[in-house]
């Protein structure tokens, strides 16, 4: 089976998605578990783009591109709409 990743026009979902967060919400509306939607938006996307050895996961040696939220997006995906901090390659962006 192939790797599932997040995209704007995911053929696995009938909704047209304009952002990764919106796409995650749409995936869940289509019955995909939150954990699978988050994996598709992070590690799945990195793998498909050939960046899986340095992006998409929180691991030593990986680039620290992080979205910090004040909740658990695996139980409440709307937490992604309320970021507390954003980091790109370990540097604060917001």
PDB file of N, CA and C in Angstrom:
ATOM      1  N   UNK A   1       0.840  -1.174   0.000  1.00  0.00           N
ATOM      2  CA  UNK A   1       0.000   0.000   0.000  1.00  0.00           C
ATOM      3  C   UNK A   1       0.886   1.237   0.000  1.00  0.00           C
ATOM      4  N   UNK A   2       0.503   2.262  -0.719  1.00  0.00           N
ATOM      5  CA  UNK A   2       1.281   3.491  -0.817  1.00  0.00           C
ATOM      6  C   UNK A   2       1.177   4.346   0.422  1.00  0.00           C
ATOM      7  N   UNK A   3       2.006   5.342   0.472  1.00  0.00           N
ATOM      8  CA  UNK A   3       2.015   6.279   1.599  1.00  0.00           C
ATOM      9  C   UNK A   3       0.945   7.333   1.378  1.00  0.00           C
ATOM     10  N   UNK A   4       0.146   7.608   2.396  1.00  0.00           N
ATOM     11  CA  UNK A   4      -0.876   8.652   2.317  1.00  0.00           C
ATOM     12  C   UNK A   4      -0.245   9.969   2.728  1.00  0.00           C
ATOM     13  N   UNK A   5      -0.450  10.992   1.926  1.00  0.00           N
ATOM     14  CA  UNK A   5       0.051  12.317   2.279  1.00  0.00           C
ATOM     15  C   UNK A   5      -1.066  13.332   2.093  1.00  0.00           C
ATOM     16  N   UNK A   6      -0.825  14.523   2.604  1.00  0.00           N
ATOM     17  CA  UNK A   6      -1.833  15.568   2.558  1.00  0.00           C
ATOM     18  C   UNK A   6      -1.612  16.435   1.342  1.00  0.00           C
ATOM     19  N   UNK A   7      -2.648  16.734   0.615  1.00  0.00           N
ATOM     20  CA  UNK A   7      -2.542  17.620  -0.528  1.00  0.00           C
ATOM     21  C   UNK A   7      -3.787  18.456  -0.691  1.00  0.00           C
ATOM     22  N   UNK A   8      -3.742  19.366  -1.635  1.00  0.00           N
ATOM     23  CA  UNK A   8      -4.890  20.246  -1.850  1.00  0.00           C
ATOM     24  C   UNK A   8      -6.066  19.521  -2.465  1.00  0.00           C
ATOM     25  N   UNK A   9      -5.810  18.602  -3.347  1.00  0.00           N
ATOM     26  CA  UNK A   9      -6.881  17.880  -4.026  1.00  0.00           C
ATOM     27  C   UNK A   9      -6.705  16.387  -3.814  1.00  0.00           C
ATOM     28  N   UNK A  10      -6.848  15.963  -2.604  1.00  0.00           N
ATOM     29  CA  UNK A  10      -6.661  14.575  -2.239  1.00  0.00           C
ATOM     30  C   UNK A  10      -7.775  13.729  -2.842  1.00  0.00           C
ATOM     31  N   UNK A  11      -7.443  12.769  -3.711  1.00  0.00           N
ATOM     32  CA  UNK A  11      -8.481  11.950  -4.324  1.00  0.00           C
ATOM     33  C   UNK A  11      -9.191  11.047  -3.334  1.00  0.00           C
ATOM     34  N   UNK A  12      -8.646  10.900  -2.107  1.00  0.00           N
ATOM     35  CA  UNK A  12      -9.289  10.067  -1.104  1.00  0.00           C
ATOM     36  C   UNK A  12     -10.423  10.757  -0.384  1.00  0.00           C
ATOM     37  N   UNK A  13     -10.686  11.992  -0.717  1.00  0.00           N
ATOM     38  CA  UNK A  13     -11.718  12.759  -0.023  1.00  0.00           C
ATOM     39  C   UNK A  13     -12.492  13.585  -1.040  1.00  0.00           C
ATOM     40  N   UNK A  14     -13.777  13.703  -0.850  1.00  0.00           N
ATOM     41  CA  UNK A  14     -14.609  14.418  -1.823  1.00  0.00           C
ATOM     42  C   UNK A  14     -14.547  15.936  -1.674  1.00  0.00           C
ATOM     43  N   UNK A  15     -13.985  16.428  -0.565  1.00  0.00           N
ATOM     44  CA  UNK A  15     -13.906  17.872  -0.327  1.00  0.00           C
ATOM     45  C   UNK A  15     -12.698  18.474  -1.048  1.00  0.00           C
ATOM     46  N   UNK A  16     -12.779  19.722  -1.469  1.00  0.00           N
ATOM     47  CA  UNK A  16     -11.621  20.457  -2.006  1.00  0.00           C
ATOM     48  C   UNK A  16     -10.960  21.167  -0.836  1.00  0.00           C
ATOM     49  N   UNK A  17      -9.696  20.883  -0.590  1.00  0.00           N
ATOM     50  CA  UNK A  17      -9.001  21.406   0.586  1.00  0.00           C
ATOM     51  C   UNK A  17      -8.009  22.483   0.162  1.00  0.00           C
ATOM     52  N   UNK A  18      -8.027  23.616   0.848  1.00  0.00           N
ATOM     53  CA  UNK A  18      -7.172  24.742   0.462  1.00  0.00           C
ATOM     54  C   UNK A  18      -5.946  24.888   1.354  1.00  0.00           C
ATOM     55  N   UNK A  19      -5.981  24.370   2.553  1.00  0.00           N
ATOM     56  CA  UNK A  19      -4.818  24.428   3.434  1.00  0.00           C
ATOM     57  C   UNK A  19      -4.642  23.077   4.104  1.00  0.00           C
ATOM     58  N   UNK A  20      -3.455  22.861   4.664  1.00  0.00           N
ATOM     59  CA  UNK A  20      -3.220  21.589   5.352  1.00  0.00           C
ATOM     60  C   UNK A  20      -4.140  21.427   6.555  1.00  0.00           C
ATOM     61  N   UNK A  21      -4.356  22.501   7.312  1.00  0.00           N
ATOM     62  CA  UNK A  21      -5.242  22.399   8.469  1.00  0.00           C
ATOM     63  C   UNK A  21      -6.657  22.094   8.006  1.00  0.00           C
ATOM     64  N   UNK A  22      -7.131  22.833   7.012  1.00  0.00           N
ATOM     65  CA  UNK A  22      -8.478  22.574   6.491  1.00  0.00           C
ATOM     66  C   UNK A  22      -8.564  21.165   5.937  1.00  0.00           C
ATOM     67  N   UNK A  23      -7.513  20.719   5.270  1.00  0.00           N
ATOM     68  CA  UNK A  23      -7.505  19.372   4.712  1.00  0.00           C
ATOM     69  C   UNK A  23      -7.577  18.338   5.823  1.00  0.00           C
ATOM     70  N   UNK A  24      -6.899  18.592   6.934  1.00  0.00           N
ATOM     71  CA  UNK A  24      -6.980  17.676   8.080  1.00  0.00           C
ATOM     72  C   UNK A  24      -8.387  17.573   8.613  1.00  0.00           C
ATOM     73  N   UNK A  25      -9.073  18.710   8.713  1.00  0.00           N
ATOM     74  CA  UNK A  25     -10.469  18.699   9.154  1.00  0.00           C
ATOM     75  C   UNK A  25     -11.340  17.932   8.170  1.00  0.00           C
ATOM     76  N   UNK A  26     -11.109  18.120   6.879  1.00  0.00           N
ATOM     77  CA  UNK A  26     -11.902  17.428   5.861  1.00  0.00           C
ATOM     78  C   UNK A  26     -11.677  15.919   5.906  1.00  0.00           C
ATOM     79  N   UNK A  27     -10.410  15.529   6.121  1.00  0.00           N
ATOM     80  CA  UNK A  27     -10.100  14.097   6.214  1.00  0.00           C
ATOM     81  C   UNK A  27     -10.883  13.472   7.362  1.00  0.00           C
ATOM     82  N   UNK A  28     -10.921  14.151   8.493  1.00  0.00           N
ATOM     83  CA  UNK A  28     -11.642  13.625   9.645  1.00  0.00           C
ATOM     84  C   UNK A  28     -13.136  13.567   9.330  1.00  0.00           C
ATOM     85  N   UNK A  29     -13.653  14.580   8.616  1.00  0.00           N
ATOM     86  CA  UNK A  29     -15.051  14.562   8.198  1.00  0.00           C
ATOM     87  C   UNK A  29     -15.340  13.378   7.285  1.00  0.00           C
ATOM     88  N   UNK A  30     -14.324  12.907   6.569  1.00  0.00           N
ATOM     89  CA  UNK A  30     -14.479  11.751   5.685  1.00  0.00           C
ATOM     90  C   UNK A  30     -14.277  10.438   6.434  1.00  0.00           C
ATOM     91  N   UNK A  31     -14.066  10.504   7.736  1.00  0.00           N
ATOM     92  CA  UNK A  31     -13.942   9.298   8.532  1.00  0.00           C
ATOM     93  C   UNK A  31     -12.538   8.827   8.814  1.00  0.00           C
ATOM     94  N   UNK A  32     -11.530   9.592   8.442  1.00  0.00           N
ATOM     95  CA  UNK A  32     -10.146   9.204   8.708  1.00  0.00           C
ATOM     96  C   UNK A  32      -9.788   9.655  10.130  1.00  0.00           C
ATOM     97  N   UNK A  33      -9.194   8.791  10.935  1.00  0.00           N
ATOM     98  CA  UNK A  33      -8.837   9.176  12.308  1.00  0.00           C
ATOM     99  C   UNK A  33      -7.877  10.368  12.338  1.00  0.00           C
ATOM    100  N   UNK A  34      -7.962  11.153  13.409  1.00  0.00           N
ATOM    101  CA  UNK A  34      -7.110  12.340  13.555  1.00  0.00           C
ATOM    102  C   UNK A  34      -5.632  11.981  13.478  1.00  0.00           C
ATOM    103  N   UNK A  35      -5.240  10.872  14.068  1.00  0.00           N
ATOM    104  CA  UNK A  35      -3.827  10.479  14.035  1.00  0.00           C
ATOM    105  C   UNK A  35      -3.359  10.222  12.605  1.00  0.00           C
ATOM    106  N   UNK A  36      -4.212   9.633  11.783  1.00  0.00           N
ATOM    107  CA  UNK A  36      -3.859   9.381  10.381  1.00  0.00           C
ATOM    108  C   UNK A  36      -3.797  10.689   9.596  1.00  0.00           C
ATOM    109  N   UNK A  37      -4.710  11.619   9.876  1.00  0.00           N
ATOM    110  CA  UNK A  37      -4.694  12.920   9.198  1.00  0.00           C
ATOM    111  C   UNK A  37      -3.434  13.696   9.551  1.00  0.00           C
ATOM    112  N   UNK A  38      -3.032  13.654  10.833  1.00  0.00           N
ATOM    113  CA  UNK A  38      -1.813  14.343  11.254  1.00  0.00           C
ATOM    114  C   UNK A  38      -0.578  13.709  10.623  1.00  0.00           C
ATOM    115  N   UNK A  39      -0.535  12.396  10.566  1.00  0.00           N
ATOM    116  CA  UNK A  39       0.600  11.711   9.934  1.00  0.00           C
ATOM    117  C   UNK A  39       0.677  12.053   8.447  1.00  0.00           C
ATOM    118  N   UNK A  40      -0.468  12.152   7.784  1.00  0.00           N
ATOM    119  CA  UNK A  40      -0.484  12.490   6.364  1.00  0.00           C
ATOM    120  C   UNK A  40       0.049  13.900   6.126  1.00  0.00           C
ATOM    121  N   UNK A  41      -0.233  14.802   7.061  1.00  0.00           N
ATOM    122  CA  UNK A  41       0.204  16.189   6.909  1.00  0.00           C
ATOM    123  C   UNK A  41       1.665  16.392   7.304  1.00  0.00           C
ATOM    124  N   UNK A  42       2.256  15.438   8.003  1.00  0.00           N
ATOM    125  CA  UNK A  42       3.622  15.617   8.499  1.00  0.00           C
ATOM    126  C   UNK A  42       4.564  14.594   7.864  1.00  0.00           C
ATOM    127  N   UNK A  43       4.685  13.435   8.454  1.00  0.00           N
ATOM    128  CA  UNK A  43       5.641  12.432   7.967  1.00  0.00           C
ATOM    129  C   UNK A  43       5.284  11.927   6.574  1.00  0.00           C
ATOM    130  N   UNK A  44       3.997  11.773   6.275  1.00  0.00           N
ATOM    131  CA  UNK A  44       3.588  11.314   4.941  1.00  0.00           C
ATOM    132  C   UNK A  44       3.986  12.291   3.854  1.00  0.00           C
ATOM    133  N   UNK A  45       3.732  13.562   4.081  1.00  0.00           N
ATOM    134  CA  UNK A  45       4.112  14.588   3.115  1.00  0.00           C
ATOM    135  C   UNK A  45       5.611  14.672   2.919  1.00  0.00           C
ATOM    136  N   UNK A  46       6.354  14.584   4.025  1.00  0.00           N
ATOM    137  CA  UNK A  46       7.816  14.631   3.940  1.00  0.00           C
ATOM    138  C   UNK A  46       8.349  13.445   3.136  1.00  0.00           C
ATOM    139  N   UNK A  47       7.811  12.268   3.371  1.00  0.00           N
ATOM    140  CA  UNK A  47       8.249  11.068   2.638  1.00  0.00           C
ATOM    141  C   UNK A  47       8.001  11.218   1.141  1.00  0.00           C
ATOM    142  N   UNK A  48       6.813  11.628   0.782  1.00  0.00           N
ATOM    143  CA  UNK A  48       6.450  11.751  -0.633  1.00  0.00           C
ATOM    144  C   UNK A  48       7.314  12.795  -1.332  1.00  0.00           C
ATOM    145  N   UNK A  49       7.671  13.845  -0.623  1.00  0.00           N
ATOM    146  CA  UNK A  49       8.502  14.906  -1.202  1.00  0.00           C
ATOM    147  C   UNK A  49       9.996  14.592  -1.146  1.00  0.00           C
ATOM    148  N   UNK A  50      10.350  13.422  -0.673  1.00  0.00           N
ATOM    149  CA  UNK A  50      11.760  13.050  -0.602  1.00  0.00           C
ATOM    150  C   UNK A  50      12.505  13.683   0.560  1.00  0.00           C
ATOM    151  N   UNK A  51      11.771  14.163   1.561  1.00  0.00           N
ATOM    152  CA  UNK A  51      12.389  14.835   2.707  1.00  0.00           C
ATOM    153  C   UNK A  51      12.258  14.027   3.993  1.00  0.00           C
ATOM    154  N   UNK A  52      11.853  12.781   3.876  1.00  0.00           N
ATOM    155  CA  UNK A  52      11.565  11.958   5.039  1.00  0.00           C
ATOM    156  C   UNK A  52      12.747  11.659   5.942  1.00  0.00           C
ATOM    157  N   UNK A  53      13.967  11.905   5.472  1.00  0.00           N
ATOM    158  CA  UNK A  53      15.147  11.664   6.312  1.00  0.00           C
ATOM    159  C   UNK A  53      15.527  12.886   7.150  1.00  0.00           C
ATOM    160  N   UNK A  54      14.802  14.011   6.954  1.00  0.00           N
ATOM    161  CA  UNK A  54      15.147  15.206   7.740  1.00  0.00           C
ATOM    162  C   UNK A  54      13.951  16.038   8.180  1.00  0.00           C
ATOM    163  N   UNK A  55      12.755  15.718   7.691  1.00  0.00           N
ATOM    164  CA  UNK A  55      11.546  16.480   8.055  1.00  0.00           C
ATOM    165  C   UNK A  55      10.394  15.529   8.342  1.00  0.00           C
ATOM    166  N   UNK A  56       9.358  16.058   8.984  1.00  0.00           N
ATOM    167  CA  UNK A  56       8.126  15.304   9.166  1.00  0.00           C
ATOM    168  C   UNK A  56       7.994  14.562  10.479  1.00  0.00           C
ATOM    169  N   UNK A  57       9.037  14.546  11.287  1.00  0.00           N
ATOM    170  CA  UNK A  57       9.013  13.847  12.569  1.00  0.00           C
ATOM    171  C   UNK A  57       9.792  14.655  13.610  1.00  0.00           C
ATOM    172  N   UNK A  58       9.506  14.400  14.867  1.00  0.00           N
ATOM    173  CA  UNK A  58      10.275  14.995  15.954  1.00  0.00           C
ATOM    174  C   UNK A  58      11.274  13.936  16.400  1.00  0.00           C
ATOM    175  N   UNK A  59      12.505  14.078  15.915  1.00  0.00           N
ATOM    176  CA  UNK A  59      13.582  13.124  16.199  1.00  0.00           C
ATOM    177  C   UNK A  59      14.912  13.860  16.200  1.00  0.00           C
ATOM    178  N   UNK A  60      15.905  13.319  16.920  1.00  0.00           N
ATOM    179  CA  UNK A  60      17.241  13.919  16.856  1.00  0.00           C
ATOM    180  C   UNK A  60      17.760  13.914  15.413  1.00  0.00           C
ATOM    181  N   UNK A  61      18.348  15.036  15.001  1.00  0.00           N
ATOM    182  CA  UNK A  61      18.903  15.151  13.657  1.00  0.00           C
ATOM    183  C   UNK A  61      17.915  15.647  12.613  1.00  0.00           C
ATOM    184  N   UNK A  62      16.636  15.691  12.944  1.00  0.00           N
ATOM    185  CA  UNK A  62      15.626  16.207  12.014  1.00  0.00           C
ATOM    186  C   UNK A  62      15.496  17.714  12.197  1.00  0.00           C
ATOM    187  N   UNK A  63      15.105  18.401  11.125  1.00  0.00           N
ATOM    188  CA  UNK A  63      14.874  19.842  11.223  1.00  0.00           C
ATOM    189  C   UNK A  63      13.679  20.086  12.126  1.00  0.00           C
ATOM    190  N   UNK A  64      13.800  21.047  12.981  1.00  0.00           N
ATOM    191  CA  UNK A  64      12.755  21.316  13.965  1.00  0.00           C
ATOM    192  C   UNK A  64      11.721  22.290  13.401  1.00  0.00           C
ATOM    193  N   UNK A  65      10.866  21.805  12.509  1.00  0.00           N
ATOM    194  CA  UNK A  65       9.723  22.575  12.019  1.00  0.00           C
ATOM    195  C   UNK A  65       8.538  22.146  12.870  1.00  0.00           C
ATOM    196  N   UNK A  66       8.103  23.017  13.769  1.00  0.00           N
ATOM    197  CA  UNK A  66       7.102  22.631  14.761  1.00  0.00           C
ATOM    198  C   UNK A  66       5.962  23.639  14.851  1.00  0.00           C
ATOM    199  N   UNK A  67       4.777  23.126  15.104  1.00  0.00           N
ATOM    200  CA  UNK A  67       3.601  23.924  15.438  1.00  0.00           C
ATOM    201  C   UNK A  67       3.229  23.524  16.852  1.00  0.00           C
ATOM    202  N   UNK A  68       3.320  24.459  17.786  1.00  0.00           N
ATOM    203  CA  UNK A  68       3.007  24.187  19.186  1.00  0.00           C
ATOM    204  C   UNK A  68       1.582  24.640  19.449  1.00  0.00           C
ATOM    205  N   UNK A  69       0.761  23.725  19.961  1.00  0.00           N
ATOM    206  CA  UNK A  69      -0.641  24.038  20.253  1.00  0.00           C
ATOM    207  C   UNK A  69      -0.924  23.781  21.722  1.00  0.00           C
ATOM    208  N   UNK A  70      -1.995  24.370  22.221  1.00  0.00           N
ATOM    209  CA  UNK A  70      -2.358  24.252  23.629  1.00  0.00           C
ATOM    210  C   UNK A  70      -3.344  23.144  23.903  1.00  0.00           C
ATOM    211  N   UNK A  71      -3.341  22.118  23.111  1.00  0.00           N
ATOM    212  CA  UNK A  71      -4.255  21.000  23.315  1.00  0.00           C
ATOM    213  C   UNK A  71      -3.705  19.762  22.639  1.00  0.00           C
ATOM    214  N   UNK A  72      -4.510  18.733  22.593  1.00  0.00           N
ATOM    215  CA  UNK A  72      -4.121  17.470  21.977  1.00  0.00           C
ATOM    216  C   UNK A  72      -4.863  17.310  20.656  1.00  0.00           C
ATOM    217  N   UNK A  73      -4.188  17.556  19.524  1.00  0.00           N
ATOM    218  CA  UNK A  73      -4.885  17.477  18.239  1.00  0.00           C
ATOM    219  C   UNK A  73      -5.334  16.061  17.867  1.00  0.00           C
ATOM    220  N   UNK A  74      -4.839  15.041  18.558  1.00  0.00           N
ATOM    221  CA  UNK A  74      -5.327  13.691  18.266  1.00  0.00           C
ATOM    222  C   UNK A  74      -6.718  13.461  18.836  1.00  0.00           C
ATOM    223  N   UNK A  75      -7.101  14.257  19.839  1.00  0.00           N
ATOM    224  CA  UNK A  75      -8.455  14.148  20.373  1.00  0.00           C
ATOM    225  C   UNK A  75      -9.313  15.356  20.014  1.00  0.00           C
ATOM    226  N   UNK A  76      -8.680  16.487  19.671  1.00  0.00           N
ATOM    227  CA  UNK A  76      -9.402  17.698  19.262  1.00  0.00           C
ATOM    228  C   UNK A  76      -8.601  18.384  18.166  1.00  0.00           C
ATOM    229  N   UNK A  77      -8.874  18.023  16.930  1.00  0.00           N
ATOM    230  CA  UNK A  77      -8.110  18.541  15.790  1.00  0.00           C
ATOM    231  C   UNK A  77      -8.195  20.064  15.678  1.00  0.00           C
ATOM    232  N   UNK A  78      -9.236  20.675  16.250  1.00  0.00           N
ATOM    233  CA  UNK A  78      -9.362  22.132  16.174  1.00  0.00           C
ATOM    234  C   UNK A  78      -8.250  22.841  16.952  1.00  0.00           C
ATOM    235  N   UNK A  79      -7.492  22.116  17.782  1.00  0.00           N
ATOM    236  CA  UNK A  79      -6.340  22.719  18.475  1.00  0.00           C
ATOM    237  C   UNK A  79      -5.341  23.286  17.478  1.00  0.00           C
ATOM    238  N   UNK A  80      -5.299  22.733  16.267  1.00  0.00           N
ATOM    239  CA  UNK A  80      -4.375  23.233  15.239  1.00  0.00           C
ATOM    240  C   UNK A  80      -4.724  24.644  14.784  1.00  0.00           C
ATOM    241  N   UNK A  81      -5.931  25.064  15.036  1.00  0.00           N
ATOM    242  CA  UNK A  81      -6.339  26.426  14.658  1.00  0.00           C
ATOM    243  C   UNK A  81      -5.914  27.469  15.676  1.00  0.00           C
ATOM    244  N   UNK A  82      -5.348  27.012  16.790  1.00  0.00           N
ATOM    245  CA  UNK A  82      -4.946  27.926  17.859  1.00  0.00           C
ATOM    246  C   UNK A  82      -3.471  27.730  18.204  1.00  0.00           C
ATOM    247  N   UNK A  83      -2.575  28.036  17.274  1.00  0.00           N
ATOM    248  CA  UNK A  83      -1.145  27.828  17.571  1.00  0.00           C
ATOM    249  C   UNK A  83      -0.636  28.778  18.639  1.00  0.00           C
ATOM    250  N   UNK A  84       0.227  28.243  19.494  1.00  0.00           N
ATOM    251  CA  UNK A  84       0.888  29.057  20.514  1.00  0.00           C
ATOM    252  C   UNK A  84       2.246  29.529  20.027  1.00  0.00           C
ATOM    253  N   UNK A  85       2.882  28.719  19.194  1.00  0.00           N
ATOM    254  CA  UNK A  85       4.201  29.057  18.655  1.00  0.00           C
ATOM    255  C   UNK A  85       4.435  28.256  17.373  1.00  0.00           C
ATOM    256  N   UNK A  86       5.277  28.820  16.492  1.00  0.00           N
ATOM    257  CA  UNK A  86       5.665  28.154  15.251  1.00  0.00           C
ATOM    258  C   UNK A  86       7.180  28.253  15.133  1.00  0.00           C
ATOM    259  N   UNK A  87       7.818  27.122  14.805  1.00  0.00           N
ATOM    260  CA  UNK A  87       9.262  27.075  14.633  1.00  0.00           C
ATOM    261  C   UNK A  87       9.595  26.512  13.262  1.00  0.00           C
ATOM    262  N   UNK A  88      10.570  27.115  12.625  1.00  0.00           N
ATOM    263  CA  UNK A  88      11.081  26.606  11.345  1.00  0.00           C
ATOM    264  C   UNK A  88      12.573  26.385  11.511  1.00  0.00           C
ATOM    265  N   UNK A  89      13.010  25.159  11.321  1.00  0.00           N
ATOM    266  CA  UNK A  89      14.404  24.777  11.521  1.00  0.00           C
ATOM    267  C   UNK A  89      14.899  25.203  12.906  1.00  0.00           C
ATOM    268  N   UNK A  90      14.018  25.117  13.896  1.00  0.00           N
ATOM    269  CA  UNK A  90      14.371  25.427  15.267  1.00  0.00           C
ATOM    270  C   UNK A  90      14.288  26.889  15.661  1.00  0.00           C
ATOM    271  N   UNK A  91      14.052  27.773  14.686  1.00  0.00           N
ATOM    272  CA  UNK A  91      13.961  29.204  14.969  1.00  0.00           C
ATOM    273  C   UNK A  91      12.497  29.624  15.082  1.00  0.00           C
ATOM    274  N   UNK A  92      12.166  30.442  16.094  1.00  0.00           N
ATOM    275  CA  UNK A  92      10.772  30.892  16.233  1.00  0.00           C
ATOM    276  C   UNK A  92      10.353  31.756  15.051  1.00  0.00           C
ATOM    277  N   UNK A  93       9.168  31.474  14.520  1.00  0.00           N
ATOM    278  CA  UNK A  93       8.600  32.253  13.430  1.00  0.00           C
ATOM    279  C   UNK A  93       7.476  33.125  13.983  1.00  0.00           C
ATOM    280  N   UNK A  94       6.768  32.569  14.935  1.00  0.00           N
ATOM    281  CA  UNK A  94       5.630  33.287  15.537  1.00  0.00           C
ATOM    282  C   UNK A  94       5.499  32.927  16.986  1.00  0.00           C
TER     283      UNK A  94
END
